[in-house]
Amino acid sequence: MSDFFTAVGLAIALEGILYALFPDGMKRMMMQILALPSQNIRSAGITAALIGVTLVWLIRG
């Protein structure tokens, strides 16, 4: 369970670094995402989750 919380903390840290280094770029990205249909966002989220789970499985497996 500590691995899970470590992974969540790392994800939050990486996202925070992106917002700190590129605030205007992140704003532009969010505006582009808001313009996308919900189905496209859902598909991208599922794809990202599957890639993440696959990476963890390959590394930890």
N, C-alpha and C. Protein backbone atom coordinates (compact mmCIF):
# COMPACT_ATOMS: atom_id res chain seq x y z
N MET A 1 0.82 -1.19 0.00
CA MET A 1 0.00 0.00 0.00
C MET A 1 0.86 1.25 0.00
N SER A 2 2.05 1.16 0.60
CA SER A 2 2.93 2.32 0.61
C SER A 2 3.43 2.64 -0.79
N ASP A 3 3.56 1.62 -1.65
CA ASP A 3 3.95 1.86 -3.04
C ASP A 3 2.88 2.70 -3.75
N PHE A 4 1.63 2.40 -3.46
CA PHE A 4 0.53 3.15 -4.07
C PHE A 4 0.60 4.63 -3.69
N PHE A 5 0.78 4.90 -2.41
CA PHE A 5 0.85 6.29 -1.96
C PHE A 5 2.10 6.98 -2.48
N THR A 6 3.17 6.24 -2.63
CA THR A 6 4.38 6.80 -3.22
C THR A 6 4.13 7.19 -4.67
N ALA A 7 3.43 6.34 -5.41
CA ALA A 7 3.11 6.62 -6.81
C ALA A 7 2.19 7.83 -6.93
N VAL A 8 1.19 7.92 -6.06
CA VAL A 8 0.28 9.07 -6.08
C VAL A 8 1.05 10.35 -5.76
N GLY A 9 1.91 10.30 -4.77
CA GLY A 9 2.72 11.47 -4.42
C GLY A 9 3.62 11.90 -5.55
N LEU A 10 4.21 10.94 -6.25
CA LEU A 10 5.07 11.26 -7.39
C LEU A 10 4.26 11.89 -8.52
N ALA A 11 3.08 11.37 -8.78
CA ALA A 11 2.22 11.94 -9.83
C ALA A 11 1.83 13.38 -9.49
N ILE A 12 1.49 13.64 -8.24
CA ILE A 12 1.13 14.99 -7.81
C ILE A 12 2.33 15.92 -7.92
N ALA A 13 3.50 15.44 -7.54
CA ALA A 13 4.72 16.26 -7.62
C ALA A 13 5.04 16.61 -9.08
N LEU A 14 4.95 15.62 -9.97
CA LEU A 14 5.24 15.89 -11.38
C LEU A 14 4.24 16.88 -11.98
N GLU A 15 2.98 16.73 -11.65
CA GLU A 15 1.98 17.66 -12.15
C GLU A 15 2.22 19.06 -11.58
N GLY A 16 2.57 19.14 -10.33
CA GLY A 16 2.87 20.44 -9.72
C GLY A 16 4.06 21.12 -10.38
N ILE A 17 5.07 20.34 -10.73
CA ILE A 17 6.24 20.91 -11.41
C ILE A 17 5.83 21.49 -12.76
N LEU A 18 4.96 20.78 -13.49
CA LEU A 18 4.50 21.29 -14.79
C LEU A 18 3.76 22.62 -14.63
N TYR A 19 2.89 22.71 -13.63
CA TYR A 19 2.16 23.96 -13.40
C TYR A 19 3.11 25.07 -12.96
N ALA A 20 4.13 24.75 -12.20
CA ALA A 20 5.07 25.77 -11.74
C ALA A 20 5.97 26.26 -12.87
N LEU A 21 6.41 25.36 -13.74
CA LEU A 21 7.33 25.75 -14.81
C LEU A 21 6.63 26.34 -16.03
N PHE A 22 5.43 25.86 -16.33
CA PHE A 22 4.72 26.29 -17.54
C PHE A 22 3.28 26.69 -17.25
N PRO A 23 3.04 27.71 -16.42
CA PRO A 23 1.66 28.05 -16.07
C PRO A 23 0.82 28.48 -17.28
N ASP A 24 1.40 29.27 -18.17
CA ASP A 24 0.64 29.71 -19.35
C ASP A 24 0.36 28.55 -20.30
N GLY A 25 1.33 27.68 -20.45
CA GLY A 25 1.13 26.50 -21.29
C GLY A 25 0.06 25.58 -20.74
N MET A 26 0.02 25.44 -19.42
CA MET A 26 -1.01 24.60 -18.81
C MET A 26 -2.39 25.22 -18.98
N LYS A 27 -2.48 26.55 -18.91
CA LYS A 27 -3.77 27.22 -19.14
C LYS A 27 -4.24 26.97 -20.57
N ARG A 28 -3.31 27.10 -21.53
CA ARG A 28 -3.68 26.86 -22.94
C ARG A 28 -4.13 25.41 -23.14
N MET A 29 -3.43 24.49 -22.51
CA MET A 29 -3.78 23.09 -22.63
C MET A 29 -5.19 22.84 -22.07
N MET A 30 -5.49 23.45 -20.93
CA MET A 30 -6.81 23.26 -20.33
C MET A 30 -7.92 23.83 -21.23
N MET A 31 -7.65 24.97 -21.86
CA MET A 31 -8.65 25.53 -22.78
C MET A 31 -8.88 24.60 -23.97
N GLN A 32 -7.81 23.98 -24.48
CA GLN A 32 -7.95 23.04 -25.58
C GLN A 32 -8.73 21.80 -25.14
N ILE A 33 -8.48 21.34 -23.93
CA ILE A 33 -9.19 20.16 -23.42
C ILE A 33 -10.68 20.46 -23.26
N LEU A 34 -11.00 21.67 -22.78
CA LEU A 34 -12.41 22.04 -22.61
C LEU A 34 -13.16 22.04 -23.94
N ALA A 35 -12.45 22.28 -25.03
CA ALA A 35 -13.08 22.31 -26.34
C ALA A 35 -13.31 20.92 -26.93
N LEU A 36 -12.70 19.89 -26.36
CA LEU A 36 -12.83 18.53 -26.87
C LEU A 36 -14.15 17.90 -26.41
N PRO A 37 -14.67 16.99 -27.22
CA PRO A 37 -15.85 16.23 -26.77
C PRO A 37 -15.48 15.32 -25.59
N SER A 38 -16.45 15.08 -24.73
CA SER A 38 -16.21 14.26 -23.54
C SER A 38 -15.71 12.87 -23.90
N GLN A 39 -16.19 12.30 -24.98
CA GLN A 39 -15.77 10.95 -25.37
C GLN A 39 -14.27 10.91 -25.68
N ASN A 40 -13.74 11.95 -26.31
CA ASN A 40 -12.30 12.00 -26.60
C ASN A 40 -11.49 12.07 -25.31
N ILE A 41 -11.96 12.86 -24.36
CA ILE A 41 -11.26 12.98 -23.08
C ILE A 41 -11.30 11.65 -22.33
N ARG A 42 -12.46 11.00 -22.36
CA ARG A 42 -12.61 9.70 -21.70
C ARG A 42 -11.67 8.68 -22.33
N SER A 43 -11.61 8.65 -23.65
CA SER A 43 -10.73 7.71 -24.35
C SER A 43 -9.27 7.95 -24.00
N ALA A 44 -8.87 9.22 -23.94
CA ALA A 44 -7.49 9.55 -23.58
C ALA A 44 -7.20 9.13 -22.14
N GLY A 45 -8.15 9.30 -21.24
CA GLY A 45 -7.97 8.90 -19.85
C GLY A 45 -7.83 7.40 -19.70
N ILE A 46 -8.67 6.65 -20.41
CA ILE A 46 -8.59 5.19 -20.35
C ILE A 46 -7.27 4.71 -20.93
N THR A 47 -6.85 5.32 -22.04
CA THR A 47 -5.58 4.95 -22.66
C THR A 47 -4.41 5.22 -21.71
N ALA A 48 -4.41 6.40 -21.08
CA ALA A 48 -3.34 6.74 -20.14
C ALA A 48 -3.33 5.78 -18.96
N ALA A 49 -4.50 5.43 -18.45
CA ALA A 49 -4.58 4.49 -17.33
C ALA A 49 -4.04 3.13 -17.72
N LEU A 50 -4.40 2.65 -18.90
CA LEU A 50 -3.91 1.35 -19.36
C LEU A 50 -2.39 1.35 -19.56
N ILE A 51 -1.86 2.43 -20.10
CA ILE A 51 -0.41 2.54 -20.26
C ILE A 51 0.27 2.54 -18.89
N GLY A 52 -0.28 3.28 -17.95
CA GLY A 52 0.28 3.32 -16.60
C GLY A 52 0.27 1.97 -15.92
N VAL A 53 -0.85 1.28 -16.00
CA VAL A 53 -0.96 -0.05 -15.38
C VAL A 53 0.00 -1.02 -16.06
N THR A 54 0.12 -0.93 -17.37
CA THR A 54 1.04 -1.81 -18.10
C THR A 54 2.49 -1.54 -17.68
N LEU A 55 2.86 -0.28 -17.56
CA LEU A 55 4.22 0.06 -17.12
C LEU A 55 4.51 -0.49 -15.73
N VAL A 56 3.58 -0.30 -14.82
CA VAL A 56 3.78 -0.81 -13.46
C VAL A 56 3.87 -2.34 -13.49
N TRP A 57 3.03 -2.97 -14.28
CA TRP A 57 3.05 -4.42 -14.37
C TRP A 57 4.39 -4.92 -14.93
N LEU A 58 4.90 -4.23 -15.96
CA LEU A 58 6.18 -4.63 -16.55
C LEU A 58 7.35 -4.41 -15.59
N ILE A 59 7.30 -3.31 -14.87
CA ILE A 59 8.40 -2.98 -13.96
C ILE A 59 8.35 -3.85 -12.71
N ARG A 60 7.15 -4.03 -12.14
CA ARG A 60 7.01 -4.76 -10.88
C ARG A 60 6.80 -6.25 -11.07
N GLY A 61 6.31 -6.62 -12.28
CA GLY A 61 5.94 -8.01 -12.55
C GLY A 61 7.08 -8.93 -12.42
